[in-house]
Amino acid sequence: MSAAPERLAVAREHAGLRADVYLALHLPALSRTRIRQKVQTGESLLNGRRYATSARLREGDQITILWRGPLDGRPAPTLPVLFEDAWLLALDKPAGVASHPMGRIQSGTAIQFVRERDAGLIREHLARGDAGFYPRLVHRLDMLTSGVLLVARTRESFLAMQRLVQSRAVRKSYLALVEGTVREDEGRIELPLGRDEASAVRVKMAARVDGLPALTEYRVVRRMTGHTLVRAFPVTGRQHQVRVHLAAIGHPVAGDLLYRDEALFIRRQDCLQAGGPLDPSLPARHLLHAEQVSFVHPFTGQQVTIDSPPPPCFSQDPPGTPTASAARG
């Protein structure tokens, strides 16, 4: 979205900041990746010249912004907060909201909601010379997955949570409504995962012998006509792990077009990314919900368990793959 140029004069308290940090403060709706792209294309100038986002600013420098606001016009979401302290924040993300900017979706994401919500605190910390207070995602949820989304509010807490994730000390559970009847009451799916090189969809994963180790445990919650509600516990944290593992044992997540019909998935994604009406013949979401995240807080030492109640669509007995109207939850 183009507009009249905006000029920002660097105040004394912001002298010494990197240019990308300073711009992130003033443009919380844009990711730092998008800011860097816009600077690299010359759509922002420093004292009338092109510059690098790593440049250190001086008092009185003038940054000219030749673009302004969200690039795709999506409204900023207002998301429920499930947990919050000085270091961490957890959101209850609905299906249909992206966790972070991607592709044509450059606004209206969960992380931008947090940064806009915390904009005052970001400014306060910057005024004290602390550029470390800047919310970052600890993990991601797919756009059509709902549930607990964990955010680190500071660089220190982000690094601490990444260490917990890498040591498998962050426990997660998902509810998944899958197709077919899962016969075993519980089980383990241990299949290595890697990119599906035969797919036209860049993010699609597949079980493959040369992939990274991946383990998912599951328990049946309830069996219904044509479907089974299971609780899945990913021990590792590979991309799309729960979805790929369940599909690999013959029980794809209901509504998960990527692992059932790639052409339909692409059609739905085109609608979602364009912000247009969804084809009513396609499911509006896949029925996967991040219901719980649990860990020992790296700064307080307290056990933290964060729960997200599942949407109503998980308690319904679907006659078949949910339609757009039945799956909105």
C-alpha atoms as a PDB file:
ATOM      1  CA  MET A   1       0.000   0.000   0.000  1.00  0.00           C
ATOM      2  CA  SER A   2       1.777   3.191  -1.159  1.00  0.00           C
ATOM      3  CA  ALA A   3       1.301   6.594   0.452  1.00  0.00           C
ATOM      4  CA  ALA A   4       2.982   9.979   0.818  1.00  0.00           C
ATOM      5  CA  PRO A   5       6.528   9.658   2.174  1.00  0.00           C
ATOM      6  CA  GLU A   6       6.855   9.710   5.941  1.00  0.00           C
ATOM      7  CA  ARG A   7       9.977  11.138   7.573  1.00  0.00           C
ATOM      8  CA  LEU A   8      11.247  10.007  10.962  1.00  0.00           C
ATOM      9  CA  ALA A   9      13.869  11.968  12.883  1.00  0.00           C
ATOM     10  CA  VAL A  10      16.026   9.816  15.153  1.00  0.00           C
ATOM     11  CA  ALA A  11      15.814  11.050  18.744  1.00  0.00           C
ATOM     12  CA  ARG A  12      18.706  10.999  21.197  1.00  0.00           C
ATOM     13  CA  GLU A  13      17.359   7.935  23.055  1.00  0.00           C
ATOM     14  CA  HIS A  14      17.349   5.917  19.825  1.00  0.00           C
ATOM     15  CA  ALA A  15      20.891   6.824  18.751  1.00  0.00           C
ATOM     16  CA  GLY A  16      23.022   3.719  18.365  1.00  0.00           C
ATOM     17  CA  LEU A  17      20.156   1.405  17.395  1.00  0.00           C
ATOM     18  CA  ARG A  18      20.358  -0.683  14.258  1.00  0.00           C
ATOM     19  CA  ALA A  19      18.127   0.679  11.525  1.00  0.00           C
ATOM     20  CA  ASP A  20      16.004  -2.483  11.346  1.00  0.00           C
ATOM     21  CA  VAL A  21      15.347  -2.367  15.113  1.00  0.00           C
ATOM     22  CA  TYR A  22      14.324   1.275  14.862  1.00  0.00           C
ATOM     23  CA  LEU A  23      11.977   0.588  11.932  1.00  0.00           C
ATOM     24  CA  ALA A  24      10.457  -2.422  13.704  1.00  0.00           C
ATOM     25  CA  LEU A  25       9.596  -0.081  16.586  1.00  0.00           C
ATOM     26  CA  HIS A  26       7.722   2.274  14.248  1.00  0.00           C
ATOM     27  CA  LEU A  27       6.246  -0.411  11.987  1.00  0.00           C
ATOM     28  CA  PRO A  28       5.116  -3.237  14.295  1.00  0.00           C
ATOM     29  CA  ALA A  29       2.740  -4.627  11.647  1.00  0.00           C
ATOM     30  CA  LEU A  30       5.678  -5.623   9.431  1.00  0.00           C
ATOM     31  CA  SER A  31       8.178  -8.397  10.081  1.00  0.00           C
ATOM     32  CA  ARG A  32      11.872  -7.589  10.138  1.00  0.00           C
ATOM     33  CA  THR A  33      12.254  -9.739   7.035  1.00  0.00           C
ATOM     34  CA  ARG A  34       9.736  -7.576   5.171  1.00  0.00           C
ATOM     35  CA  ILE A  35      11.373  -4.390   6.490  1.00  0.00           C
ATOM     36  CA  ARG A  36      14.752  -5.621   5.230  1.00  0.00           C
ATOM     37  CA  GLN A  37      13.252  -6.375   1.815  1.00  0.00           C
ATOM     38  CA  LYS A  38      11.719  -2.909   1.556  1.00  0.00           C
ATOM     39  CA  VAL A  39      14.984  -1.232   2.579  1.00  0.00           C
ATOM     40  CA  GLN A  40      16.960  -3.308   0.079  1.00  0.00           C
ATOM     41  CA  THR A  41      14.660  -2.215  -2.744  1.00  0.00           C
ATOM     42  CA  GLY A  42      15.228   1.458  -1.906  1.00  0.00           C
ATOM     43  CA  GLU A  43      11.753   2.113  -0.538  1.00  0.00           C
ATOM     44  CA  SER A  44      13.312   3.664   2.546  1.00  0.00           C
ATOM     45  CA  LEU A  45      16.194   6.130   2.622  1.00  0.00           C
ATOM     46  CA  LEU A  46      18.571   7.245   5.371  1.00  0.00           C
ATOM     47  CA  ASN A  47      19.479  10.931   5.019  1.00  0.00           C
ATOM     48  CA  GLY A  48      18.403  10.719   1.381  1.00  0.00           C
ATOM     49  CA  ARG A  49      20.558   7.692   0.556  1.00  0.00           C
ATOM     50  CA  ARG A  50      20.100   3.951   0.371  1.00  0.00           C
ATOM     51  CA  TYR A  51      21.380   2.094   3.422  1.00  0.00           C
ATOM     52  CA  ALA A  52      21.800  -1.280   5.090  1.00  0.00           C
ATOM     53  CA  THR A  53      19.440  -2.382   7.854  1.00  0.00           C
ATOM     54  CA  SER A  54      22.513  -3.067  10.018  1.00  0.00           C
ATOM     55  CA  ALA A  55      23.480   0.634   9.942  1.00  0.00           C
ATOM     56  CA  ARG A  56      23.771   2.253  13.383  1.00  0.00           C
ATOM     57  CA  LEU A  57      21.701   5.404  13.679  1.00  0.00           C
ATOM     58  CA  ARG A  58      22.809   8.765  15.043  1.00  0.00           C
ATOM     59  CA  GLU A  59      20.762  11.466  16.705  1.00  0.00           C
ATOM     60  CA  GLY A  60      19.198  13.684  14.048  1.00  0.00           C
ATOM     61  CA  ASP A  61      19.369  11.097  11.258  1.00  0.00           C
ATOM     62  CA  GLN A  62      16.299  11.170   9.030  1.00  0.00           C
ATOM     63  CA  ILE A  63      14.681   8.018   7.700  1.00  0.00           C
ATOM     64  CA  THR A  64      12.255   8.426   4.821  1.00  0.00           C
ATOM     65  CA  ILE A  65       9.584   5.742   4.423  1.00  0.00           C
ATOM     66  CA  LEU A  66       8.160   5.498   0.917  1.00  0.00           C
ATOM     67  CA  TRP A  67       5.582   2.865   1.860  1.00  0.00           C
ATOM     68  CA  ARG A  68       3.287   2.654   4.826  1.00  0.00           C
ATOM     69  CA  GLY A  69       1.028   0.206   6.599  1.00  0.00           C
ATOM     70  CA  PRO A  70      -0.045  -3.368   5.851  1.00  0.00           C
ATOM     71  CA  LEU A  71       0.793  -4.552   2.370  1.00  0.00           C
ATOM     72  CA  ASP A  72      -2.315  -6.686   1.928  1.00  0.00           C
ATOM     73  CA  GLY A  73      -4.902  -4.750   3.939  1.00  0.00           C
ATOM     74  CA  ARG A  74      -5.757  -7.492   6.444  1.00  0.00           C
ATOM     75  CA  PRO A  75      -7.150  -6.135   9.713  1.00  0.00           C
ATOM     76  CA  ALA A  76      -5.111  -6.730  12.844  1.00  0.00           C
ATOM     77  CA  PRO A  77      -6.602  -9.629  14.812  1.00  0.00           C
ATOM     78  CA  THR A  78      -7.484  -9.435  18.486  1.00  0.00           C
ATOM     79  CA  LEU A  79      -6.527 -12.746  20.035  1.00  0.00           C
ATOM     80  CA  PRO A  80      -7.236 -14.146  23.527  1.00  0.00           C
ATOM     81  CA  VAL A  81      -4.224 -14.248  25.845  1.00  0.00           C
ATOM     82  CA  LEU A  82      -3.965 -17.513  27.800  1.00  0.00           C
ATOM     83  CA  PHE A  83      -0.817 -16.727  29.812  1.00  0.00           C
ATOM     84  CA  GLU A  84       1.395 -13.703  30.344  1.00  0.00           C
ATOM     85  CA  ASP A  85       4.335 -12.650  32.482  1.00  0.00           C
ATOM     86  CA  ALA A  86       7.442 -10.484  32.005  1.00  0.00           C
ATOM     87  CA  TRP A  87       9.136 -13.102  29.789  1.00  0.00           C
ATOM     88  CA  LEU A  88       6.459 -15.099  27.975  1.00  0.00           C
ATOM     89  CA  LEU A  89       2.998 -14.801  26.493  1.00  0.00           C
ATOM     90  CA  ALA A  90       0.656 -17.468  25.118  1.00  0.00           C
ATOM     91  CA  LEU A  91      -2.134 -16.807  22.622  1.00  0.00           C
ATOM     92  CA  ASP A  92      -5.225 -18.826  21.793  1.00  0.00           C
ATOM     93  CA  LYS A  93      -4.829 -18.735  18.017  1.00  0.00           C
ATOM     94  CA  PRO A  94      -7.910 -19.525  15.918  1.00  0.00           C
ATOM     95  CA  ALA A  95      -7.743 -21.383  12.627  1.00  0.00           C
ATOM     96  CA  GLY A  96      -7.460 -18.936   9.737  1.00  0.00           C
ATOM     97  CA  VAL A  97      -4.963 -16.587  11.403  1.00  0.00           C
ATOM     98  CA  ALA A  98      -1.339 -16.968  10.297  1.00  0.00           C
ATOM     99  CA  SER A  99       1.272 -17.217  13.037  1.00  0.00           C
ATOM    100  CA  HIS A 100       3.660 -14.920  11.167  1.00  0.00           C
ATOM    101  CA  PRO A 101       3.911 -13.081   7.835  1.00  0.00           C
ATOM    102  CA  MET A 102       4.336 -15.402   4.846  1.00  0.00           C
ATOM    103  CA  GLY A 103       3.867 -15.154   1.099  1.00  0.00           C
ATOM    104  CA  ARG A 104       1.047 -12.766   0.282  1.00  0.00           C
ATOM    105  CA  ILE A 105      -0.017 -12.599   3.945  1.00  0.00           C
ATOM    106  CA  GLN A 106       2.023  -9.732   5.334  1.00  0.00           C
ATOM    107  CA  SER A 107      -0.345  -8.353   7.967  1.00  0.00           C
ATOM    108  CA  GLY A 108      -3.038  -9.528  10.337  1.00  0.00           C
ATOM    109  CA  THR A 109      -0.852 -12.245  11.879  1.00  0.00           C
ATOM    110  CA  ALA A 110      -0.559 -13.448  15.461  1.00  0.00           C
ATOM    111  CA  ILE A 111       2.968 -12.154  16.078  1.00  0.00           C
ATOM    112  CA  GLN A 112       2.017  -8.729  14.734  1.00  0.00           C
ATOM    113  CA  PHE A 113      -0.910  -8.616  17.148  1.00  0.00           C
ATOM    114  CA  VAL A 114       1.548  -9.158  20.007  1.00  0.00           C
ATOM    115  CA  ARG A 115       4.012  -6.548  18.743  1.00  0.00           C
ATOM    116  CA  GLU A 116       1.290  -3.951  18.290  1.00  0.00           C
ATOM    117  CA  ARG A 117      -0.108  -4.814  21.736  1.00  0.00           C
ATOM    118  CA  ASP A 118       3.385  -4.476  23.274  1.00  0.00           C
ATOM    119  CA  ALA A 119       4.410  -1.415  21.243  1.00  0.00           C
ATOM    120  CA  GLY A 120       4.389   0.833  24.315  1.00  0.00           C
ATOM    121  CA  LEU A 121       6.633  -1.543  26.251  1.00  0.00           C
ATOM    122  CA  ILE A 122       8.973  -1.881  23.269  1.00  0.00           C
ATOM    123  CA  ARG A 123       9.339   1.904  23.192  1.00  0.00           C
ATOM    124  CA  GLU A 124       9.946   2.077  26.936  1.00  0.00           C
ATOM    125  CA  HIS A 125      12.718  -0.497  26.736  1.00  0.00           C
ATOM    126  CA  LEU A 126      14.292   1.170  23.709  1.00  0.00           C
ATOM    127  CA  ALA A 127      14.264   4.505  25.541  1.00  0.00           C
ATOM    128  CA  ARG A 128      16.377   2.822  28.249  1.00  0.00           C
ATOM    129  CA  GLY A 129      18.763   1.481  25.628  1.00  0.00           C
ATOM    130  CA  ASP A 130      17.375  -2.068  25.771  1.00  0.00           C
ATOM    131  CA  ALA A 131      16.633  -3.470  22.305  1.00  0.00           C
ATOM    132  CA  GLY A 132      16.095  -6.987  23.663  1.00  0.00           C
ATOM    133  CA  PHE A 133      12.381  -6.550  24.411  1.00  0.00           C
ATOM    134  CA  TYR A 134      10.887  -7.609  21.092  1.00  0.00           C
ATOM    135  CA  PRO A 135       8.345 -10.472  20.920  1.00  0.00           C
ATOM    136  CA  ARG A 136       9.327 -13.551  18.909  1.00  0.00           C
ATOM    137  CA  LEU A 137       7.545 -16.847  18.264  1.00  0.00           C
ATOM    138  CA  VAL A 138       8.836 -19.772  20.305  1.00  0.00           C
ATOM    139  CA  HIS A 139       7.130 -22.163  17.874  1.00  0.00           C
ATOM    140  CA  ARG A 140       4.641 -21.909  15.019  1.00  0.00           C
ATOM    141  CA  LEU A 141       1.204 -23.233  14.259  1.00  0.00           C
ATOM    142  CA  ASP A 142      -0.010 -23.754  10.724  1.00  0.00           C
ATOM    143  CA  MET A 143      -2.538 -21.187   9.573  1.00  0.00           C
ATOM    144  CA  LEU A 144      -5.415 -23.679   9.744  1.00  0.00           C
ATOM    145  CA  THR A 145      -4.386 -25.175  13.112  1.00  0.00           C
ATOM    146  CA  SER A 146      -5.884 -23.639  16.249  1.00  0.00           C
ATOM    147  CA  GLY A 147      -4.677 -23.566  19.847  1.00  0.00           C
ATOM    148  CA  VAL A 148      -1.798 -22.533  22.104  1.00  0.00           C
ATOM    149  CA  LEU A 149       0.832 -20.342  20.440  1.00  0.00           C
ATOM    150  CA  LEU A 150       3.801 -19.448  22.653  1.00  0.00           C
ATOM    151  CA  VAL A 151       5.651 -16.134  22.300  1.00  0.00           C
ATOM    152  CA  ALA A 152       8.890 -15.013  23.981  1.00  0.00           C
ATOM    153  CA  ARG A 153       8.776 -11.312  24.843  1.00  0.00           C
ATOM    154  CA  THR A 154      12.540 -10.794  25.198  1.00  0.00           C
ATOM    155  CA  ARG A 155      15.647 -12.050  23.441  1.00  0.00           C
ATOM    156  CA  GLU A 156      16.763 -13.677  26.697  1.00  0.00           C
ATOM    157  CA  SER A 157      13.511 -15.604  27.099  1.00  0.00           C
ATOM    158  CA  PHE A 158      13.515 -16.596  23.428  1.00  0.00           C
ATOM    159  CA  LEU A 159      16.962 -18.173  23.742  1.00  0.00           C
ATOM    160  CA  ALA A 160      15.994 -19.875  27.010  1.00  0.00           C
ATOM    161  CA  MET A 161      12.832 -21.360  25.472  1.00  0.00           C
ATOM    162  CA  GLN A 162      14.743 -22.514  22.397  1.00  0.00           C
ATOM    163  CA  ARG A 163      17.084 -24.427  24.687  1.00  0.00           C
ATOM    164  CA  LEU A 164      14.078 -26.084  26.339  1.00  0.00           C
ATOM    165  CA  VAL A 165      12.584 -26.969  22.954  1.00  0.00           C
ATOM    166  CA  GLN A 166      15.860 -28.450  21.715  1.00  0.00           C
ATOM    167  CA  SER A 167      16.186 -30.561  24.867  1.00  0.00           C
ATOM    168  CA  ARG A 168      12.567 -31.781  24.417  1.00  0.00           C
ATOM    169  CA  ALA A 169      11.558 -30.221  27.736  1.00  0.00           C
ATOM    170  CA  VAL A 170       8.509 -28.478  26.230  1.00  0.00           C
ATOM    171  CA  ARG A 171       5.655 -30.982  26.125  1.00  0.00           C
ATOM    172  CA  LYS A 172       2.770 -30.494  23.702  1.00  0.00           C
ATOM    173  CA  SER A 173      -0.493 -32.288  23.100  1.00  0.00           C
ATOM    174  CA  TYR A 174      -2.811 -31.941  20.122  1.00  0.00           C
ATOM    175  CA  LEU A 175      -6.371 -33.017  19.485  1.00  0.00           C
ATOM    176  CA  ALA A 176      -6.882 -34.408  16.007  1.00  0.00           C
ATOM    177  CA  LEU A 177     -10.105 -35.576  14.420  1.00  0.00           C
ATOM    178  CA  VAL A 178      -8.900 -38.108  11.871  1.00  0.00           C
ATOM    179  CA  GLU A 179     -10.548 -40.049   9.094  1.00  0.00           C
ATOM    180  CA  GLY A 180     -11.411 -43.704   9.623  1.00  0.00           C
ATOM    181  CA  THR A 181     -11.432 -45.864  12.728  1.00  0.00           C
ATOM    182  CA  VAL A 182      -8.134 -46.080  14.611  1.00  0.00           C
ATOM    183  CA  ARG A 183      -8.137 -49.647  15.936  1.00  0.00           C
ATOM    184  CA  GLU A 184      -5.394 -49.483  18.566  1.00  0.00           C
ATOM    185  CA  ASP A 185      -6.199 -47.544  21.751  1.00  0.00           C
ATOM    186  CA  GLU A 186      -2.697 -46.061  21.744  1.00  0.00           C
ATOM    187  CA  GLY A 187       0.428 -46.229  19.681  1.00  0.00           C
ATOM    188  CA  ARG A 188       3.746 -44.784  18.511  1.00  0.00           C
ATOM    189  CA  ILE A 189       4.544 -43.526  15.036  1.00  0.00           C
ATOM    190  CA  GLU A 190       8.283 -43.392  14.455  1.00  0.00           C
ATOM    191  CA  LEU A 191       8.971 -42.361  10.884  1.00  0.00           C
ATOM    192  CA  PRO A 192      11.736 -39.996   9.703  1.00  0.00           C
ATOM    193  CA  LEU A 193      10.455 -36.906   7.914  1.00  0.00           C
ATOM    194  CA  GLY A 194      11.797 -34.791   5.083  1.00  0.00           C
ATOM    195  CA  ARG A 195      10.574 -32.552   2.312  1.00  0.00           C
ATOM    196  CA  ASP A 196       8.275 -34.174  -0.246  1.00  0.00           C
ATOM    197  CA  GLU A 197      10.371 -33.517  -3.340  1.00  0.00           C
ATOM    198  CA  ALA A 198       7.627 -34.818  -5.635  1.00  0.00           C
ATOM    199  CA  SER A 199       5.227 -32.116  -4.461  1.00  0.00           C
ATOM    200  CA  ALA A 200       4.646 -28.719  -6.017  1.00  0.00           C
ATOM    201  CA  VAL A 201       3.955 -27.357  -2.515  1.00  0.00           C
ATOM    202  CA  ARG A 202       7.247 -26.246  -0.983  1.00  0.00           C
ATOM    203  CA  VAL A 203       6.223 -26.864   2.630  1.00  0.00           C
ATOM    204  CA  LYS A 204       4.856 -30.376   2.108  1.00  0.00           C
ATOM    205  CA  MET A 205       6.635 -33.082   4.091  1.00  0.00           C
ATOM    206  CA  ALA A 206       6.787 -36.844   3.697  1.00  0.00           C
ATOM    207  CA  ALA A 207       7.947 -39.933   5.560  1.00  0.00           C
ATOM    208  CA  ARG A 208      11.275 -40.864   3.965  1.00  0.00           C
ATOM    209  CA  VAL A 209      14.172 -43.083   5.018  1.00  0.00           C
ATOM    210  CA  ASP A 210      16.723 -40.274   4.680  1.00  0.00           C
ATOM    211  CA  GLY A 211      14.645 -37.798   6.701  1.00  0.00           C
ATOM    212  CA  LEU A 212      15.145 -36.475  10.219  1.00  0.00           C
ATOM    213  CA  PRO A 213      14.075 -38.708  13.127  1.00  0.00           C
ATOM    214  CA  ALA A 214      10.501 -38.048  14.241  1.00  0.00           C
ATOM    215  CA  LEU A 215       8.326 -39.663  16.906  1.00  0.00           C
ATOM    216  CA  THR A 216       4.650 -39.111  17.698  1.00  0.00           C
ATOM    217  CA  GLU A 217       2.720 -40.941  20.412  1.00  0.00           C
ATOM    218  CA  TYR A 218      -1.084 -41.011  20.404  1.00  0.00           C
ATOM    219  CA  ARG A 219      -4.117 -42.176  22.359  1.00  0.00           C
ATOM    220  CA  VAL A 220      -7.673 -42.635  21.132  1.00  0.00           C
ATOM    221  CA  VAL A 221     -10.143 -40.301  22.861  1.00  0.00           C
ATOM    222  CA  ARG A 222     -13.330 -41.370  21.099  1.00  0.00           C
ATOM    223  CA  ARG A 223     -14.443 -43.349  18.076  1.00  0.00           C
ATOM    224  CA  MET A 224     -17.251 -42.021  15.877  1.00  0.00           C
ATOM    225  CA  THR A 225     -18.865 -43.122  12.661  1.00  0.00           C
ATOM    226  CA  GLY A 226     -16.146 -42.754  10.040  1.00  0.00           C
ATOM    227  CA  HIS A 227     -13.852 -40.699  12.296  1.00  0.00           C
ATOM    228  CA  THR A 228     -11.708 -41.004  15.416  1.00  0.00           C
ATOM    229  CA  LEU A 229     -10.756 -38.307  17.886  1.00  0.00           C
ATOM    230  CA  VAL A 230      -7.155 -38.838  19.018  1.00  0.00           C
ATOM    231  CA  ARG A 231      -4.781 -37.019  21.311  1.00  0.00           C
ATOM    232  CA  ALA A 232      -1.303 -36.778  19.776  1.00  0.00           C
ATOM    233  CA  PHE A 233       1.957 -36.114  21.619  1.00  0.00           C
ATOM    234  CA  PRO A 234       4.824 -35.086  19.320  1.00  0.00           C
ATOM    235  CA  VAL A 235       8.075 -36.068  21.054  1.00  0.00           C
ATOM    236  CA  THR A 236      10.117 -34.386  18.334  1.00  0.00           C
ATOM    237  CA  GLY A 237       9.069 -31.167  16.622  1.00  0.00           C
ATOM    238  CA  ARG A 238       9.349 -31.591  12.866  1.00  0.00           C
ATOM    239  CA  GLN A 239       7.330 -29.497  10.434  1.00  0.00           C
ATOM    240  CA  HIS A 240       3.779 -30.896   9.990  1.00  0.00           C
ATOM    241  CA  GLN A 241       4.844 -33.877  12.109  1.00  0.00           C
ATOM    242  CA  VAL A 242       1.454 -34.832  13.568  1.00  0.00           C
ATOM    243  CA  ARG A 243      -0.305 -34.369  10.228  1.00  0.00           C
ATOM    244  CA  VAL A 244       2.222 -36.413   8.236  1.00  0.00           C
ATOM    245  CA  HIS A 245       2.472 -39.209  10.800  1.00  0.00           C
ATOM    246  CA  LEU A 246      -1.295 -39.652  11.087  1.00  0.00           C
ATOM    247  CA  ALA A 247      -1.669 -39.613   7.305  1.00  0.00           C
ATOM    248  CA  ALA A 248       1.162 -42.159   7.020  1.00  0.00           C
ATOM    249  CA  ILE A 249      -0.768 -44.721   9.099  1.00  0.00           C
ATOM    250  CA  GLY A 250      -3.887 -44.231   6.961  1.00  0.00           C
ATOM    251  CA  HIS A 251      -5.717 -41.708   9.157  1.00  0.00           C
ATOM    252  CA  PRO A 252      -5.216 -38.175   7.771  1.00  0.00           C
ATOM    253  CA  VAL A 253      -6.564 -35.273   9.789  1.00  0.00           C
ATOM    254  CA  ALA A 254     -10.095 -34.403   8.642  1.00  0.00           C
ATOM    255  CA  GLY A 255     -10.012 -31.427   6.300  1.00  0.00           C
ATOM    256  CA  ASP A 256      -6.240 -31.676   5.722  1.00  0.00           C
ATOM    257  CA  LEU A 257      -6.199 -31.230   1.958  1.00  0.00           C
ATOM    258  CA  LEU A 258      -2.393 -31.031   1.711  1.00  0.00           C
ATOM    259  CA  TYR A 259      -2.076 -34.676   2.707  1.00  0.00           C
ATOM    260  CA  ARG A 260      -5.188 -35.860   0.838  1.00  0.00           C
ATOM    261  CA  ASP A 261      -5.567 -33.828  -2.372  1.00  0.00           C
ATOM    262  CA  GLU A 262      -2.808 -31.382  -3.231  1.00  0.00           C
ATOM    263  CA  ALA A 263      -4.753 -29.686  -6.044  1.00  0.00           C
ATOM    264  CA  LEU A 264      -7.619 -28.853  -3.688  1.00  0.00           C
ATOM    265  CA  PHE A 265      -5.114 -27.608  -1.101  1.00  0.00           C
ATOM    266  CA  ILE A 266      -3.604 -25.195  -3.631  1.00  0.00           C
ATOM    267  CA  ARG A 267      -7.060 -23.938  -4.579  1.00  0.00           C
ATOM    268  CA  ARG A 268      -7.951 -23.297  -0.953  1.00  0.00           C
ATOM    269  CA  GLN A 269      -4.616 -21.592  -0.243  1.00  0.00           C
ATOM    270  CA  ASP A 270      -5.079 -19.250  -3.191  1.00  0.00           C
ATOM    271  CA  CYS A 271      -8.429 -18.170  -1.711  1.00  0.00           C
ATOM    272  CA  LEU A 272      -7.014 -17.753   1.801  1.00  0.00           C
ATOM    273  CA  GLN A 273      -3.941 -15.774   0.750  1.00  0.00           C
ATOM    274  CA  ALA A 274      -5.983 -13.535  -1.538  1.00  0.00           C
ATOM    275  CA  GLY A 275      -8.409 -12.812   1.288  1.00  0.00           C
ATOM    276  CA  GLY A 276     -11.352 -13.703  -0.932  1.00  0.00           C
ATOM    277  CA  PRO A 277     -14.376 -15.915  -0.253  1.00  0.00           C
ATOM    278  CA  LEU A 278     -13.612 -19.581   0.324  1.00  0.00           C
ATOM    279  CA  ASP A 279     -15.027 -22.151  -2.062  1.00  0.00           C
ATOM    280  CA  PRO A 280     -17.906 -23.609   0.019  1.00  0.00           C
ATOM    281  CA  SER A 281     -17.162 -27.074  -1.305  1.00  0.00           C
ATOM    282  CA  LEU A 282     -13.780 -27.050   0.487  1.00  0.00           C
ATOM    283  CA  PRO A 283     -13.229 -27.493   4.235  1.00  0.00           C
ATOM    284  CA  ALA A 284     -12.395 -24.186   5.892  1.00  0.00           C
ATOM    285  CA  ARG A 285      -9.776 -25.777   8.141  1.00  0.00           C
ATOM    286  CA  HIS A 286      -8.186 -29.034   9.141  1.00  0.00           C
ATOM    287  CA  LEU A 287      -9.271 -30.399  12.513  1.00  0.00           C
ATOM    288  CA  LEU A 288      -6.019 -30.189  14.440  1.00  0.00           C
ATOM    289  CA  HIS A 289      -5.889 -28.245  17.703  1.00  0.00           C
ATOM    290  CA  ALA A 290      -2.887 -27.507  19.936  1.00  0.00           C
ATOM    291  CA  GLU A 291      -4.644 -28.056  23.242  1.00  0.00           C
ATOM    292  CA  GLN A 292      -1.777 -27.909  25.753  1.00  0.00           C
ATOM    293  CA  VAL A 293       1.821 -26.742  26.185  1.00  0.00           C
ATOM    294  CA  SER A 294       3.702 -27.597  29.378  1.00  0.00           C
ATOM    295  CA  PHE A 295       7.227 -26.747  30.604  1.00  0.00           C
ATOM    296  CA  VAL A 296       9.237 -25.627  33.616  1.00  0.00           C
ATOM    297  CA  HIS A 297       9.554 -21.836  33.426  1.00  0.00           C
ATOM    298  CA  PRO A 298      13.223 -21.020  32.686  1.00  0.00           C
ATOM    299  CA  PHE A 299      13.210 -17.937  34.950  1.00  0.00           C
ATOM    300  CA  THR A 300      10.817 -18.740  37.810  1.00  0.00           C
ATOM    301  CA  GLY A 301      11.373 -22.499  38.005  1.00  0.00           C
ATOM    302  CA  GLN A 302       7.614 -23.045  38.234  1.00  0.00           C
ATOM    303  CA  GLN A 303       5.734 -25.659  36.257  1.00  0.00           C
ATOM    304  CA  VAL A 304       3.653 -23.913  33.585  1.00  0.00           C
ATOM    305  CA  THR A 305       0.763 -25.665  31.842  1.00  0.00           C
ATOM    306  CA  ILE A 306      -1.229 -23.703  29.285  1.00  0.00           C
ATOM    307  CA  ASP A 307      -4.514 -25.082  27.965  1.00  0.00           C
ATOM    308  CA  SER A 308      -6.712 -24.061  25.053  1.00  0.00           C
ATOM    309  CA  PRO A 309     -10.274 -25.452  24.978  1.00  0.00           C
ATOM    310  CA  PRO A 310     -10.998 -27.091  21.614  1.00  0.00           C
ATOM    311  CA  PRO A 311     -13.501 -25.426  19.263  1.00  0.00           C
ATOM    312  CA  PRO A 312     -17.005 -26.949  19.176  1.00  0.00           C
ATOM    313  CA  CYS A 313     -16.319 -28.719  15.877  1.00  0.00           C
ATOM    314  CA  PHE A 314     -14.119 -31.230  17.724  1.00  0.00           C
ATOM    315  CA  SER A 315     -17.062 -32.500  19.780  1.00  0.00           C
ATOM    316  CA  GLN A 316     -19.385 -32.993  16.809  1.00  0.00           C
ATOM    317  CA  ASP A 317     -19.957 -36.290  15.017  1.00  0.00           C
ATOM    318  CA  PRO A 318     -19.200 -35.289  11.411  1.00  0.00           C
ATOM    319  CA  PRO A 319     -21.035 -37.229   8.712  1.00  0.00           C
ATOM    320  CA  GLY A 320     -17.941 -36.892   6.515  1.00  0.00           C
ATOM    321  CA  THR A 321     -15.072 -34.532   5.911  1.00  0.00           C
ATOM    322  CA  PRO A 322     -16.212 -31.205   7.437  1.00  0.00           C
ATOM    323  CA  THR A 323     -17.517 -28.617   5.032  1.00  0.00           C
ATOM    324  CA  ALA A 324     -16.669 -24.927   5.241  1.00  0.00           C
ATOM    325  CA  SER A 325     -19.704 -24.196   7.402  1.00  0.00           C
ATOM    326  CA  ALA A 326     -19.225 -27.170   9.723  1.00  0.00           C
ATOM    327  CA  ALA A 327     -15.520 -26.700  10.280  1.00  0.00           C
ATOM    328  CA  ARG A 328     -15.239 -23.088  11.340  1.00  0.00           C
ATOM    329  CA  GLY A 329     -15.498 -24.084  14.983  1.00  0.00           C
END
